[in-house]
N, C-alpha and C. Protein backbone atom coordinates (compact mmCIF):
# COMPACT_ATOMS: atom_id res chain seq x y z
N UNK A 1 -70.70 -68.33 131.14
CA UNK A 1 -71.65 -69.14 130.40
C UNK A 1 -70.88 -69.99 129.39
N UNK A 2 -71.27 -71.25 129.29
CA UNK A 2 -70.63 -72.16 128.35
C UNK A 2 -71.49 -72.26 127.08
N UNK A 3 -70.82 -72.11 125.95
CA UNK A 3 -71.49 -72.18 124.65
C UNK A 3 -70.72 -73.17 123.78
N UNK A 4 -71.45 -73.98 123.01
CA UNK A 4 -70.79 -74.93 122.13
C UNK A 4 -71.27 -74.76 120.70
N UNK A 5 -70.32 -74.93 119.78
CA UNK A 5 -70.60 -74.81 118.35
C UNK A 5 -69.99 -75.99 117.61
N UNK A 6 -70.58 -76.27 116.46
CA UNK A 6 -70.00 -77.19 115.49
C UNK A 6 -69.40 -76.32 114.39
N UNK A 7 -68.12 -76.51 114.13
CA UNK A 7 -67.42 -75.76 113.09
C UNK A 7 -66.90 -76.81 112.10
N UNK A 8 -67.73 -77.14 111.11
CA UNK A 8 -67.46 -78.27 110.24
C UNK A 8 -66.17 -78.14 109.43
N UNK A 9 -65.74 -76.91 109.14
CA UNK A 9 -64.52 -76.75 108.34
C UNK A 9 -63.30 -76.40 109.19
N UNK A 10 -63.35 -76.64 110.49
CA UNK A 10 -62.19 -76.48 111.37
C UNK A 10 -61.38 -77.77 111.28
N UNK A 11 -60.18 -77.69 110.70
CA UNK A 11 -59.43 -78.91 110.41
C UNK A 11 -58.03 -78.99 111.01
N UNK A 12 -57.52 -77.86 111.56
CA UNK A 12 -56.13 -77.89 112.03
C UNK A 12 -55.94 -76.92 113.19
N UNK A 13 -54.75 -76.93 113.75
CA UNK A 13 -54.45 -76.05 114.88
C UNK A 13 -54.46 -74.58 114.47
N UNK A 14 -54.14 -74.28 113.23
CA UNK A 14 -54.22 -72.90 112.77
C UNK A 14 -55.66 -72.41 112.84
N UNK A 15 -56.60 -73.28 112.46
CA UNK A 15 -58.03 -72.95 112.57
C UNK A 15 -58.39 -72.65 114.03
N UNK A 16 -57.91 -73.48 114.93
CA UNK A 16 -58.21 -73.30 116.35
C UNK A 16 -57.67 -71.96 116.84
N UNK A 17 -56.45 -71.62 116.43
CA UNK A 17 -55.85 -70.34 116.84
C UNK A 17 -56.65 -69.17 116.28
N UNK A 18 -57.07 -69.26 115.03
CA UNK A 18 -57.84 -68.19 114.41
C UNK A 18 -59.18 -68.00 115.12
N UNK A 19 -59.85 -69.10 115.42
CA UNK A 19 -61.14 -69.04 116.11
C UNK A 19 -60.96 -68.48 117.52
N UNK A 20 -59.92 -68.93 118.21
CA UNK A 20 -59.65 -68.45 119.57
C UNK A 20 -59.42 -66.94 119.57
N UNK A 21 -58.61 -66.45 118.65
CA UNK A 21 -58.34 -65.01 118.57
C UNK A 21 -59.61 -64.22 118.26
N UNK A 22 -60.43 -64.74 117.37
CA UNK A 22 -61.68 -64.06 117.01
C UNK A 22 -62.63 -63.98 118.21
N UNK A 23 -62.74 -65.08 118.93
CA UNK A 23 -63.62 -65.11 120.11
C UNK A 23 -63.10 -64.16 121.19
N UNK A 24 -61.79 -64.19 121.43
CA UNK A 24 -61.22 -63.35 122.48
C UNK A 24 -61.23 -61.87 122.10
N UNK A 25 -61.34 -61.57 120.81
CA UNK A 25 -61.45 -60.17 120.38
C UNK A 25 -62.79 -59.58 120.81
N UNK A 26 -63.84 -60.40 120.80
CA UNK A 26 -65.17 -59.91 121.20
C UNK A 26 -65.48 -60.19 122.66
N UNK A 27 -64.73 -61.11 123.27
CA UNK A 27 -64.94 -61.45 124.68
C UNK A 27 -63.58 -61.75 125.32
N UNK A 28 -62.85 -60.68 125.68
CA UNK A 28 -61.52 -60.88 126.28
C UNK A 28 -61.61 -61.80 127.50
N UNK A 29 -60.63 -62.70 127.59
CA UNK A 29 -60.62 -63.63 128.71
C UNK A 29 -61.41 -64.90 128.47
N UNK A 30 -62.06 -65.01 127.32
CA UNK A 30 -62.83 -66.21 127.01
C UNK A 30 -61.88 -67.42 126.95
N UNK A 31 -62.37 -68.54 127.43
CA UNK A 31 -61.61 -69.79 127.38
C UNK A 31 -62.21 -70.64 126.26
N UNK A 32 -61.37 -70.98 125.29
CA UNK A 32 -61.82 -71.72 124.11
C UNK A 32 -61.17 -73.09 124.11
N UNK A 33 -61.97 -74.13 123.96
CA UNK A 33 -61.47 -75.50 123.84
C UNK A 33 -62.02 -76.07 122.54
N UNK A 34 -61.15 -76.71 121.77
CA UNK A 34 -61.57 -77.25 120.48
C UNK A 34 -61.27 -78.74 120.39
N UNK A 35 -62.18 -79.45 119.77
CA UNK A 35 -62.00 -80.88 119.46
C UNK A 35 -62.00 -80.98 117.94
N UNK A 36 -60.80 -81.11 117.36
CA UNK A 36 -60.69 -81.14 115.90
C UNK A 36 -61.39 -82.35 115.30
N UNK A 37 -61.35 -83.48 115.97
CA UNK A 37 -61.97 -84.69 115.44
C UNK A 37 -63.49 -84.54 115.32
N UNK A 38 -64.09 -83.94 116.34
CA UNK A 38 -65.55 -83.76 116.36
C UNK A 38 -65.98 -82.44 115.74
N UNK A 39 -64.99 -81.58 115.37
CA UNK A 39 -65.28 -80.24 114.82
C UNK A 39 -66.14 -79.44 115.79
N UNK A 40 -65.82 -79.56 117.06
CA UNK A 40 -66.62 -78.93 118.11
C UNK A 40 -65.77 -77.89 118.86
N UNK A 41 -66.37 -76.75 119.12
CA UNK A 41 -65.71 -75.68 119.88
C UNK A 41 -66.57 -75.39 121.11
N UNK A 42 -65.93 -75.39 122.27
CA UNK A 42 -66.59 -75.07 123.53
C UNK A 42 -65.98 -73.77 124.05
N UNK A 43 -66.84 -72.82 124.39
CA UNK A 43 -66.38 -71.51 124.82
C UNK A 43 -66.99 -71.15 126.17
N UNK A 44 -66.13 -70.78 127.10
CA UNK A 44 -66.55 -70.28 128.42
C UNK A 44 -66.35 -68.77 128.36
N UNK A 45 -67.45 -68.02 128.27
CA UNK A 45 -67.37 -66.56 128.13
C UNK A 45 -68.69 -65.92 128.52
N UNK A 46 -68.64 -64.66 128.96
CA UNK A 46 -69.87 -63.96 129.30
C UNK A 46 -70.64 -63.45 128.07
N UNK A 47 -70.00 -63.43 126.92
CA UNK A 47 -70.65 -62.91 125.71
C UNK A 47 -71.79 -63.82 125.26
N UNK A 48 -72.76 -63.23 124.59
CA UNK A 48 -73.90 -63.98 124.08
C UNK A 48 -73.45 -64.90 122.94
N UNK A 49 -74.16 -66.02 122.81
CA UNK A 49 -73.82 -67.02 121.78
C UNK A 49 -73.82 -66.41 120.39
N UNK A 50 -74.77 -65.54 120.11
CA UNK A 50 -74.86 -64.94 118.77
C UNK A 50 -73.62 -64.10 118.45
N UNK A 51 -73.09 -63.42 119.45
CA UNK A 51 -71.88 -62.61 119.26
C UNK A 51 -70.68 -63.51 118.98
N UNK A 52 -70.56 -64.59 119.73
CA UNK A 52 -69.46 -65.54 119.54
C UNK A 52 -69.56 -66.21 118.17
N UNK A 53 -70.77 -66.61 117.81
CA UNK A 53 -70.99 -67.26 116.52
C UNK A 53 -70.62 -66.32 115.38
N UNK A 54 -71.02 -65.07 115.48
CA UNK A 54 -70.72 -64.08 114.44
C UNK A 54 -69.22 -63.87 114.31
N UNK A 55 -68.51 -63.84 115.44
CA UNK A 55 -67.06 -63.64 115.41
C UNK A 55 -66.37 -64.77 114.66
N UNK A 56 -66.84 -66.00 114.88
CA UNK A 56 -66.26 -67.16 114.20
C UNK A 56 -66.62 -67.13 112.72
N UNK A 57 -67.87 -66.82 112.42
CA UNK A 57 -68.33 -66.75 111.03
C UNK A 57 -67.60 -65.66 110.25
N UNK A 58 -67.29 -64.55 110.92
CA UNK A 58 -66.57 -63.45 110.27
C UNK A 58 -65.17 -63.87 109.82
N UNK A 59 -64.64 -64.94 110.41
CA UNK A 59 -63.33 -65.46 110.00
C UNK A 59 -63.46 -66.44 108.84
N UNK A 60 -64.70 -66.66 108.38
CA UNK A 60 -64.90 -67.50 107.22
C UNK A 60 -65.29 -68.94 107.50
N UNK A 61 -65.61 -69.24 108.75
CA UNK A 61 -65.96 -70.61 109.12
C UNK A 61 -67.46 -70.82 109.10
N UNK A 62 -67.85 -72.06 108.75
CA UNK A 62 -69.24 -72.47 108.80
C UNK A 62 -69.50 -72.91 110.25
N UNK A 63 -70.22 -72.12 111.01
CA UNK A 63 -70.42 -72.38 112.43
C UNK A 63 -71.90 -72.49 112.75
N UNK A 64 -72.25 -73.53 113.48
CA UNK A 64 -73.63 -73.79 113.87
C UNK A 64 -73.68 -74.11 115.36
N UNK A 65 -74.77 -73.76 116.04
CA UNK A 65 -74.90 -74.16 117.44
C UNK A 65 -74.85 -75.68 117.58
N UNK A 66 -74.23 -76.14 118.65
CA UNK A 66 -74.13 -77.60 118.87
C UNK A 66 -75.39 -78.10 119.55
């Protein structure tokens, strides 16, 4: 399942790595693609959107469904 989020305070590659690790911790094998310019994260994973969103939020990011 593909899920997309807006992460307004994602500004650099370190942010992308942190978000990717958080997502993969709750959904191993998830494929995460980030667009830093648009502050958009696209995730291909079987986990529910709420679980993925919570994982990103737990890292301190402001995350909203796209």
